[in-house]
């Protein structure tokens, strides 16, 4: 470990706690790397599926619109909730 880094660790870590401090720092770093890798994999998956997701949404749009017109009463201007 570079001397300047070790000096900083000695300043930050409690007496006789350097090993524990380094262990916790490594655990934190490894967990952060894992979270970042997961975010990247999720993002890649979302991007890969985006076209299919849009296509499926468009296929279901007519049924969704029909359901709204059949089961949701029309909104009248002046009704409660009119912004």
PDB file of N, CA and C in Angstrom:
ATOM      1  N   UNK A   1       0.859  -1.163   0.000  1.00  0.00           N
ATOM      2  CA  UNK A   1       0.000   0.000   0.000  1.00  0.00           C
ATOM      3  C   UNK A   1       0.911   1.234   0.000  1.00  0.00           C
ATOM      4  N   UNK A   2       0.613   2.232  -0.840  1.00  0.00           N
ATOM      5  CA  UNK A   2       1.443   3.442  -0.858  1.00  0.00           C
ATOM      6  C   UNK A   2       1.486   4.103   0.530  1.00  0.00           C
ATOM      7  N   UNK A   3       2.654   4.684   0.853  1.00  0.00           N
ATOM      8  CA  UNK A   3       2.859   5.260   2.180  1.00  0.00           C
ATOM      9  C   UNK A   3       1.839   6.350   2.493  1.00  0.00           C
ATOM     10  N   UNK A   4       1.577   7.244   1.544  1.00  0.00           N
ATOM     11  CA  UNK A   4       0.636   8.338   1.824  1.00  0.00           C
ATOM     12  C   UNK A   4      -0.775   7.809   2.097  1.00  0.00           C
ATOM     13  N   UNK A   5      -1.163   6.755   1.401  1.00  0.00           N
ATOM     14  CA  UNK A   5      -2.470   6.151   1.654  1.00  0.00           C
ATOM     15  C   UNK A   5      -2.496   5.500   3.033  1.00  0.00           C
ATOM     16  N   UNK A   6      -1.424   4.805   3.383  1.00  0.00           N
ATOM     17  CA  UNK A   6      -1.353   4.167   4.698  1.00  0.00           C
ATOM     18  C   UNK A   6      -1.370   5.213   5.807  1.00  0.00           C
ATOM     19  N   UNK A   7      -0.716   6.343   5.588  1.00  0.00           N
ATOM     20  CA  UNK A   7      -0.736   7.426   6.581  1.00  0.00           C
ATOM     21  C   UNK A   7      -2.157   7.942   6.782  1.00  0.00           C
ATOM     22  N   UNK A   8      -2.890   8.081   5.696  1.00  0.00           N
ATOM     23  CA  UNK A   8      -4.280   8.537   5.793  1.00  0.00           C
ATOM     24  C   UNK A   8      -5.126   7.519   6.542  1.00  0.00           C
ATOM     25  N   UNK A   9      -4.931   6.243   6.245  1.00  0.00           N
ATOM     26  CA  UNK A   9      -5.668   5.187   6.945  1.00  0.00           C
ATOM     27  C   UNK A   9      -5.368   5.250   8.437  1.00  0.00           C
ATOM     28  N   UNK A  10      -4.108   5.429   8.790  1.00  0.00           N
ATOM     29  CA  UNK A  10      -3.739   5.505  10.216  1.00  0.00           C
ATOM     30  C   UNK A  10      -4.421   6.694  10.894  1.00  0.00           C
ATOM     31  N   UNK A  11      -4.573   7.802  10.174  1.00  0.00           N
ATOM     32  CA  UNK A  11      -5.237   8.981  10.745  1.00  0.00           C
ATOM     33  C   UNK A  11      -6.729   8.728  10.954  1.00  0.00           C
ATOM     34  N   UNK A  12      -7.349   8.028  10.016  1.00  0.00           N
ATOM     35  CA  UNK A  12      -8.802   7.829  10.051  1.00  0.00           C
ATOM     36  C   UNK A  12      -9.198   6.670  10.952  1.00  0.00           C
ATOM     37  N   UNK A  13      -8.464   5.579  10.867  1.00  0.00           N
ATOM     38  CA  UNK A  13      -8.831   4.355  11.598  1.00  0.00           C
ATOM     39  C   UNK A  13      -8.508   4.517  13.082  1.00  0.00           C
ATOM     40  N   UNK A  14      -9.380   3.973  13.931  1.00  0.00           N
ATOM     41  CA  UNK A  14      -9.081   4.005  15.363  1.00  0.00           C
ATOM     42  C   UNK A  14      -7.831   3.180  15.679  1.00  0.00           C
ATOM     43  N   UNK A  15      -7.233   3.433  16.838  1.00  0.00           N
ATOM     44  CA  UNK A  15      -6.041   2.681  17.245  1.00  0.00           C
ATOM     45  C   UNK A  15      -6.319   1.184  17.179  1.00  0.00           C
ATOM     46  N   UNK A  16      -5.388   0.433  16.679  1.00  0.00           N
ATOM     47  CA  UNK A  16      -5.468  -1.024  16.533  1.00  0.00           C
ATOM     48  C   UNK A  16      -6.702  -1.469  15.750  1.00  0.00           C
ATOM     49  N   UNK A  17      -7.268  -0.573  14.927  1.00  0.00           N
ATOM     50  CA  UNK A  17      -8.433  -0.936  14.139  1.00  0.00           C
ATOM     51  C   UNK A  17      -8.193  -0.843  12.642  1.00  0.00           C
ATOM     52  N   UNK A  18      -6.939  -0.775  12.254  1.00  0.00           N
ATOM     53  CA  UNK A  18      -6.616  -0.616  10.835  1.00  0.00           C
ATOM     54  C   UNK A  18      -7.100  -1.807  10.025  1.00  0.00           C
ATOM     55  N   UNK A  19      -6.875  -3.001  10.515  1.00  0.00           N
ATOM     56  CA  UNK A  19      -7.303  -4.196   9.784  1.00  0.00           C
ATOM     57  C   UNK A  19      -8.817  -4.190   9.589  1.00  0.00           C
ATOM     58  N   UNK A  20      -9.526  -3.866  10.650  1.00  0.00           N
ATOM     59  CA  UNK A  20     -10.993  -3.822  10.559  1.00  0.00           C
ATOM     60  C   UNK A  20     -11.435  -2.723   9.590  1.00  0.00           C
ATOM     61  N   UNK A  21     -10.786  -1.558   9.678  1.00  0.00           N
ATOM     62  CA  UNK A  21     -11.114  -0.447   8.790  1.00  0.00           C
ATOM     63  C   UNK A  21     -10.914  -0.845   7.329  1.00  0.00           C
ATOM     64  N   UNK A  22      -9.778  -1.459   7.030  1.00  0.00           N
ATOM     65  CA  UNK A  22      -9.479  -1.886   5.655  1.00  0.00           C
ATOM     66  C   UNK A  22     -10.488  -2.935   5.206  1.00  0.00           C
ATOM     67  N   UNK A  23     -10.821  -3.855   6.082  1.00  0.00           N
ATOM     68  CA  UNK A  23     -11.804  -4.890   5.745  1.00  0.00           C
ATOM     69  C   UNK A  23     -13.163  -4.266   5.410  1.00  0.00           C
ATOM     70  N   UNK A  24     -13.622  -3.329   6.252  1.00  0.00           N
ATOM     71  CA  UNK A  24     -14.909  -2.667   5.998  1.00  0.00           C
ATOM     72  C   UNK A  24     -14.869  -1.848   4.709  1.00  0.00           C
ATOM     73  N   UNK A  25     -13.736  -1.183   4.466  1.00  0.00           N
ATOM     74  CA  UNK A  25     -13.602  -0.392   3.239  1.00  0.00           C
ATOM     75  C   UNK A  25     -13.671  -1.288   2.004  1.00  0.00           C
ATOM     76  N   UNK A  26     -13.014  -2.436   2.066  1.00  0.00           N
ATOM     77  CA  UNK A  26     -13.055  -3.371   0.940  1.00  0.00           C
ATOM     78  C   UNK A  26     -14.459  -3.934   0.739  1.00  0.00           C
ATOM     79  N   UNK A  27     -15.142  -4.278   1.835  1.00  0.00           N
ATOM     80  CA  UNK A  27     -16.515  -4.770   1.718  1.00  0.00           C
ATOM     81  C   UNK A  27     -17.411  -3.716   1.071  1.00  0.00           C
ATOM     82  N   UNK A  28     -17.259  -2.467   1.491  1.00  0.00           N
ATOM     83  CA  UNK A  28     -18.046  -1.370   0.921  1.00  0.00           C
ATOM     84  C   UNK A  28     -17.754  -1.225  -0.573  1.00  0.00           C
ATOM     85  N   UNK A  29     -16.479  -1.245  -0.923  1.00  0.00           N
ATOM     86  CA  UNK A  29     -16.072  -1.097  -2.319  1.00  0.00           C
ATOM     87  C   UNK A  29     -16.619  -2.233  -3.177  1.00  0.00           C
ATOM     88  N   UNK A  30     -16.507  -3.468  -2.683  1.00  0.00           N
ATOM     89  CA  UNK A  30     -16.993  -4.629  -3.433  1.00  0.00           C
ATOM     90  C   UNK A  30     -18.504  -4.558  -3.612  1.00  0.00           C
ATOM     91  N   UNK A  31     -19.232  -4.175  -2.564  1.00  0.00           N
ATOM     92  CA  UNK A  31     -20.691  -4.048  -2.663  1.00  0.00           C
ATOM     93  C   UNK A  31     -21.072  -2.957  -3.659  1.00  0.00           C
ATOM     94  N   UNK A  32     -20.351  -1.838  -3.625  1.00  0.00           N
ATOM     95  CA  UNK A  32     -20.635  -0.746  -4.565  1.00  0.00           C
ATOM     96  C   UNK A  32     -20.390  -1.200  -6.002  1.00  0.00           C
ATOM     97  N   UNK A  33     -19.317  -1.933  -6.223  1.00  0.00           N
ATOM     98  CA  UNK A  33     -19.037  -2.464  -7.560  1.00  0.00           C
ATOM     99  C   UNK A  33     -20.152  -3.400  -8.016  1.00  0.00           C
ATOM    100  N   UNK A  34     -20.619  -4.243  -7.103  1.00  0.00           N
ATOM    101  CA  UNK A  34     -21.707  -5.170  -7.429  1.00  0.00           C
ATOM    102  C   UNK A  34     -22.984  -4.429  -7.788  1.00  0.00           C
ATOM    103  N   UNK A  35     -23.316  -3.377  -7.024  1.00  0.00           N
ATOM    104  CA  UNK A  35     -24.514  -2.587  -7.337  1.00  0.00           C
ATOM    105  C   UNK A  35     -24.388  -1.916  -8.701  1.00  0.00           C
ATOM    106  N   UNK A  36     -23.205  -1.388  -8.996  1.00  0.00           N
ATOM    107  CA  UNK A  36     -22.992  -0.742 -10.291  1.00  0.00           C
ATOM    108  C   UNK A  36     -23.114  -1.754 -11.426  1.00  0.00           C
ATOM    109  N   UNK A  37     -22.558  -2.934 -11.254  1.00  0.00           N
ATOM    110  CA  UNK A  37     -22.653  -3.972 -12.286  1.00  0.00           C
ATOM    111  C   UNK A  37     -24.105  -4.378 -12.499  1.00  0.00           C
ATOM    112  N   UNK A  38     -24.872  -4.491 -11.413  1.00  0.00           N
ATOM    113  CA  UNK A  38     -26.290  -4.830 -11.535  1.00  0.00           C
ATOM    114  C   UNK A  38     -27.036  -3.741 -12.294  1.00  0.00           C
ATOM    115  N   UNK A  39     -26.778  -2.468 -11.959  1.00  0.00           N
ATOM    116  CA  UNK A  39     -27.432  -1.363 -12.686  1.00  0.00           C
ATOM    117  C   UNK A  39     -27.133  -1.437 -14.179  1.00  0.00           C
ATOM    118  N   UNK A  40     -25.880  -1.725 -14.515  1.00  0.00           N
ATOM    119  CA  UNK A  40     -25.497  -1.806 -15.927  1.00  0.00           C
ATOM    120  C   UNK A  40     -26.194  -2.969 -16.626  1.00  0.00           C
ATOM    121  N   UNK A  41     -26.299  -4.118 -15.951  1.00  0.00           N
ATOM    122  CA  UNK A  41     -26.992  -5.266 -16.556  1.00  0.00           C
ATOM    123  C   UNK A  41     -28.482  -4.975 -16.722  1.00  0.00           C
ATOM    124  N   UNK A  42     -29.091  -4.361 -15.721  1.00  0.00           N
ATOM    125  CA  UNK A  42     -30.515  -4.020 -15.830  1.00  0.00           C
ATOM    126  C   UNK A  42     -30.748  -3.035 -16.969  1.00  0.00           C
ATOM    127  N   UNK A  43     -29.905  -2.018 -17.051  1.00  0.00           N
ATOM    128  CA  UNK A  43     -30.045  -1.022 -18.120  1.00  0.00           C
ATOM    129  C   UNK A  43     -29.927  -1.682 -19.492  1.00  0.00           C
ATOM    130  N   UNK A  44     -28.945  -2.544 -19.656  1.00  0.00           N
ATOM    131  CA  UNK A  44     -28.765  -3.239 -20.932  1.00  0.00           C
ATOM    132  C   UNK A  44     -29.990  -4.084 -21.256  1.00  0.00           C
ATOM    133  N   UNK A  45     -30.541  -4.757 -20.259  1.00  0.00           N
ATOM    134  CA  UNK A  45     -31.741  -5.567 -20.480  1.00  0.00           C
ATOM    135  C   UNK A  45     -32.936  -4.721 -20.862  1.00  0.00           C
ATOM    136  N   UNK A  46     -33.112  -3.583 -20.167  1.00  0.00           N
ATOM    137  CA  UNK A  46     -34.231  -2.697 -20.496  1.00  0.00           C
ATOM    138  C   UNK A  46     -34.104  -2.173 -21.923  1.00  0.00           C
ATOM    139  N   UNK A  47     -32.890  -1.790 -22.299  1.00  0.00           N
ATOM    140  CA  UNK A  47     -32.686  -1.281 -23.657  1.00  0.00           C
ATOM    141  C   UNK A  47     -32.915  -2.376 -24.691  1.00  0.00           C
ATOM    142  N   UNK A  48     -32.462  -3.584 -24.386  1.00  0.00           N
ATOM    143  CA  UNK A  48     -32.635  -4.691 -25.330  1.00  0.00           C
ATOM    144  C   UNK A  48     -34.112  -5.027 -25.519  1.00  0.00           C
ATOM    145  N   UNK A  49     -34.909  -4.873 -24.466  1.00  0.00           N
ATOM    146  CA  UNK A  49     -36.332  -5.224 -24.530  1.00  0.00           C
ATOM    147  C   UNK A  49     -37.235  -4.061 -24.922  1.00  0.00           C
ATOM    148  N   UNK A  50     -36.687  -2.868 -25.065  1.00  0.00           N
ATOM    149  CA  UNK A  50     -37.512  -1.681 -25.284  1.00  0.00           C
ATOM    150  C   UNK A  50     -38.387  -1.800 -26.530  1.00  0.00           C
ATOM    151  N   UNK A  51     -37.843  -2.263 -27.625  1.00  0.00           N
ATOM    152  CA  UNK A  51     -38.620  -2.365 -28.863  1.00  0.00           C
ATOM    153  C   UNK A  51     -39.771  -3.358 -28.695  1.00  0.00           C
ATOM    154  N   UNK A  52     -39.504  -4.489 -28.082  1.00  0.00           N
ATOM    155  CA  UNK A  52     -40.549  -5.479 -27.851  1.00  0.00           C
ATOM    156  C   UNK A  52     -41.613  -4.931 -26.903  1.00  0.00           C
ATOM    157  N   UNK A  53     -41.188  -4.230 -25.865  1.00  0.00           N
ATOM    158  CA  UNK A  53     -42.140  -3.642 -24.918  1.00  0.00           C
ATOM    159  C   UNK A  53     -43.059  -2.643 -25.618  1.00  0.00           C
ATOM    160  N   UNK A  54     -42.498  -1.802 -26.472  1.00  0.00           N
ATOM    161  CA  UNK A  54     -43.315  -0.831 -27.226  1.00  0.00           C
ATOM    162  C   UNK A  54     -44.288  -1.547 -28.151  1.00  0.00           C
ATOM    163  N   UNK A  55     -43.797  -2.579 -28.821  1.00  0.00           N
ATOM    164  CA  UNK A  55     -44.639  -3.344 -29.743  1.00  0.00           C
ATOM    165  C   UNK A  55     -45.818  -3.975 -28.996  1.00  0.00           C
ATOM    166  N   UNK A  56     -45.548  -4.564 -27.846  1.00  0.00           N
ATOM    167  CA  UNK A  56     -46.626  -5.181 -27.067  1.00  0.00           C
ATOM    168  C   UNK A  56     -47.616  -4.129 -26.573  1.00  0.00           C
ATOM    169  N   UNK A  57     -47.127  -2.984 -26.161  1.00  0.00           N
ATOM    170  CA  UNK A  57     -48.015  -1.918 -25.699  1.00  0.00           C
ATOM    171  C   UNK A  57     -48.928  -1.465 -26.833  1.00  0.00           C
ATOM    172  N   UNK A  58     -48.386  -1.356 -28.024  1.00  0.00           N
ATOM    173  CA  UNK A  58     -49.202  -0.950 -29.172  1.00  0.00           C
ATOM    174  C   UNK A  58     -50.236  -2.017 -29.522  1.00  0.00           C
ATOM    175  N   UNK A  59     -49.868  -3.287 -29.392  1.00  0.00           N
ATOM    176  CA  UNK A  59     -50.822  -4.363 -29.672  1.00  0.00           C
ATOM    177  C   UNK A  59     -52.006  -4.316 -28.709  1.00  0.00           C
ATOM    178  N   UNK A  60     -51.759  -3.956 -27.477  1.00  0.00           N
ATOM    179  CA  UNK A  60     -52.817  -3.938 -26.461  1.00  0.00           C
ATOM    180  C   UNK A  60     -53.585  -2.617 -26.417  1.00  0.00           C
ATOM    181  N   UNK A  61     -53.088  -1.581 -27.088  1.00  0.00           N
ATOM    182  CA  UNK A  61     -53.720  -0.260 -27.020  1.00  0.00           C
ATOM    183  C   UNK A  61     -55.206  -0.289 -27.381  1.00  0.00           C
ATOM    184  N   UNK A  62     -55.633  -0.934 -28.466  1.00  0.00           N
ATOM    185  CA  UNK A  62     -57.068  -0.937 -28.786  1.00  0.00           C
ATOM    186  C   UNK A  62     -57.923  -1.542 -27.666  1.00  0.00           C
ATOM    187  N   UNK A  63     -57.464  -2.625 -27.076  1.00  0.00           N
ATOM    188  CA  UNK A  63     -58.213  -3.244 -25.984  1.00  0.00           C
ATOM    189  C   UNK A  63     -58.255  -2.323 -24.766  1.00  0.00           C
ATOM    190  N   UNK A  64     -57.163  -1.674 -24.489  1.00  0.00           N
ATOM    191  CA  UNK A  64     -57.113  -0.742 -23.364  1.00  0.00           C
ATOM    192  C   UNK A  64     -58.088   0.416 -23.584  1.00  0.00           C
ATOM    193  N   UNK A  65     -58.090   0.965 -24.785  1.00  0.00           N
ATOM    194  CA  UNK A  65     -59.005   2.071 -25.084  1.00  0.00           C
ATOM    195  C   UNK A  65     -60.458   1.617 -25.007  1.00  0.00           C
ATOM    196  N   UNK A  66     -60.741   0.418 -25.501  1.00  0.00           N
ATOM    197  CA  UNK A  66     -62.103  -0.113 -25.423  1.00  0.00           C
ATOM    198  C   UNK A  66     -62.534  -0.271 -23.964  1.00  0.00           C
ATOM    199  N   UNK A  67     -61.636  -0.777 -23.151  1.00  0.00           N
ATOM    200  CA  UNK A  67     -61.948  -0.964 -21.732  1.00  0.00           C
ATOM    201  C   UNK A  67     -62.237   0.372 -21.067  1.00  0.00           C
ATOM    202  N   UNK A  68     -61.458   1.374 -21.370  1.00  0.00           N
ATOM    203  CA  UNK A  68     -61.694   2.697 -20.784  1.00  0.00           C
ATOM    204  C   UNK A  68     -63.056   3.236 -21.205  1.00  0.00           C
ATOM    205  N   UNK A  69     -63.375   3.119 -22.478  1.00  0.00           N
ATOM    206  CA  UNK A  69     -64.651   3.682 -22.937  1.00  0.00           C
ATOM    207  C   UNK A  69     -65.840   2.905 -22.396  1.00  0.00           C
ATOM    208  N   UNK A  70     -65.688   1.608 -22.152  1.00  0.00           N
ATOM    209  CA  UNK A  70     -66.795   0.801 -21.629  1.00  0.00           C
ATOM    210  C   UNK A  70     -66.994   0.952 -20.125  1.00  0.00           C
ATOM    211  N   UNK A  71     -65.902   1.083 -19.391  1.00  0.00           N
ATOM    212  CA  UNK A  71     -65.980   0.962 -17.941  1.00  0.00           C
ATOM    213  C   UNK A  71     -65.672   2.231 -17.161  1.00  0.00           C
ATOM    214  N   UNK A  72     -65.235   3.265 -17.811  1.00  0.00           N
ATOM    215  CA  UNK A  72     -64.959   4.517 -17.108  1.00  0.00           C
ATOM    216  C   UNK A  72     -65.965   5.543 -17.597  1.00  0.00           C
ATOM    217  N   UNK A  73     -66.785   6.082 -16.675  1.00  0.00           N
ATOM    218  CA  UNK A  73     -67.793   7.039 -17.117  1.00  0.00           C
ATOM    219  C   UNK A  73     -67.136   8.285 -17.700  1.00  0.00           C
ATOM    220  N   UNK A  74     -67.803   8.903 -18.650  1.00  0.00           N
ATOM    221  CA  UNK A  74     -67.227  10.113 -19.251  1.00  0.00           C
ATOM    222  C   UNK A  74     -67.095  11.217 -18.214  1.00  0.00           C
ATOM    223  N   UNK A  75     -66.114  12.020 -18.380  1.00  0.00           N
ATOM    224  CA  UNK A  75     -65.828  13.120 -17.466  1.00  0.00           C
ATOM    225  C   UNK A  75     -66.500  14.373 -18.003  1.00  0.00           C
ATOM    226  N   UNK A  76     -67.258  15.024 -17.172  1.00  0.00           N
ATOM    227  CA  UNK A  76     -67.951  16.253 -17.568  1.00  0.00           C
ATOM    228  C   UNK A  76     -67.176  17.455 -17.050  1.00  0.00           C
ATOM    229  N   UNK A  77     -67.085  18.505 -17.852  1.00  0.00           N
ATOM    230  CA  UNK A  77     -66.444  19.739 -17.413  1.00  0.00           C
ATOM    231  C   UNK A  77     -67.241  20.286 -16.241  1.00  0.00           C
ATOM    232  N   UNK A  78     -66.559  20.706 -15.198  1.00  0.00           N
ATOM    233  CA  UNK A  78     -67.222  21.248 -14.023  1.00  0.00           C
ATOM    234  C   UNK A  78     -67.447  20.222 -12.933  1.00  0.00           C
ATOM    235  N   UNK A  79     -67.182  18.952 -13.203  1.00  0.00           N
ATOM    236  CA  UNK A  79     -67.328  17.926 -12.171  1.00  0.00           C
ATOM    237  C   UNK A  79     -66.236  18.105 -11.122  1.00  0.00           C
ATOM    238  N   UNK A  80     -66.471  17.521  -9.957  1.00  0.00           N
ATOM    239  CA  UNK A  80     -65.466  17.567  -8.902  1.00  0.00           C
ATOM    240  C   UNK A  80     -64.153  17.017  -9.443  1.00  0.00           C
ATOM    241  N   UNK A  81     -63.079  17.667  -9.076  1.00  0.00           N
ATOM    242  CA  UNK A  81     -61.773  17.221  -9.544  1.00  0.00           C
ATOM    243  C   UNK A  81     -61.332  17.955 -10.797  1.00  0.00           C
ATOM    244  N   UNK A  82     -62.198  18.815 -11.352  1.00  0.00           N
ATOM    245  CA  UNK A  82     -61.833  19.583 -12.545  1.00  0.00           C
ATOM    246  C   UNK A  82     -60.851  20.664 -12.114  1.00  0.00           C
ATOM    247  N   UNK A  83     -59.598  20.520 -12.570  1.00  0.00           N
ATOM    248  CA  UNK A  83     -58.498  21.321 -12.139  1.00  0.00           C
ATOM    249  C   UNK A  83     -58.570  22.741 -12.287  1.00  0.00           C
TER     250      UNK A  83
END
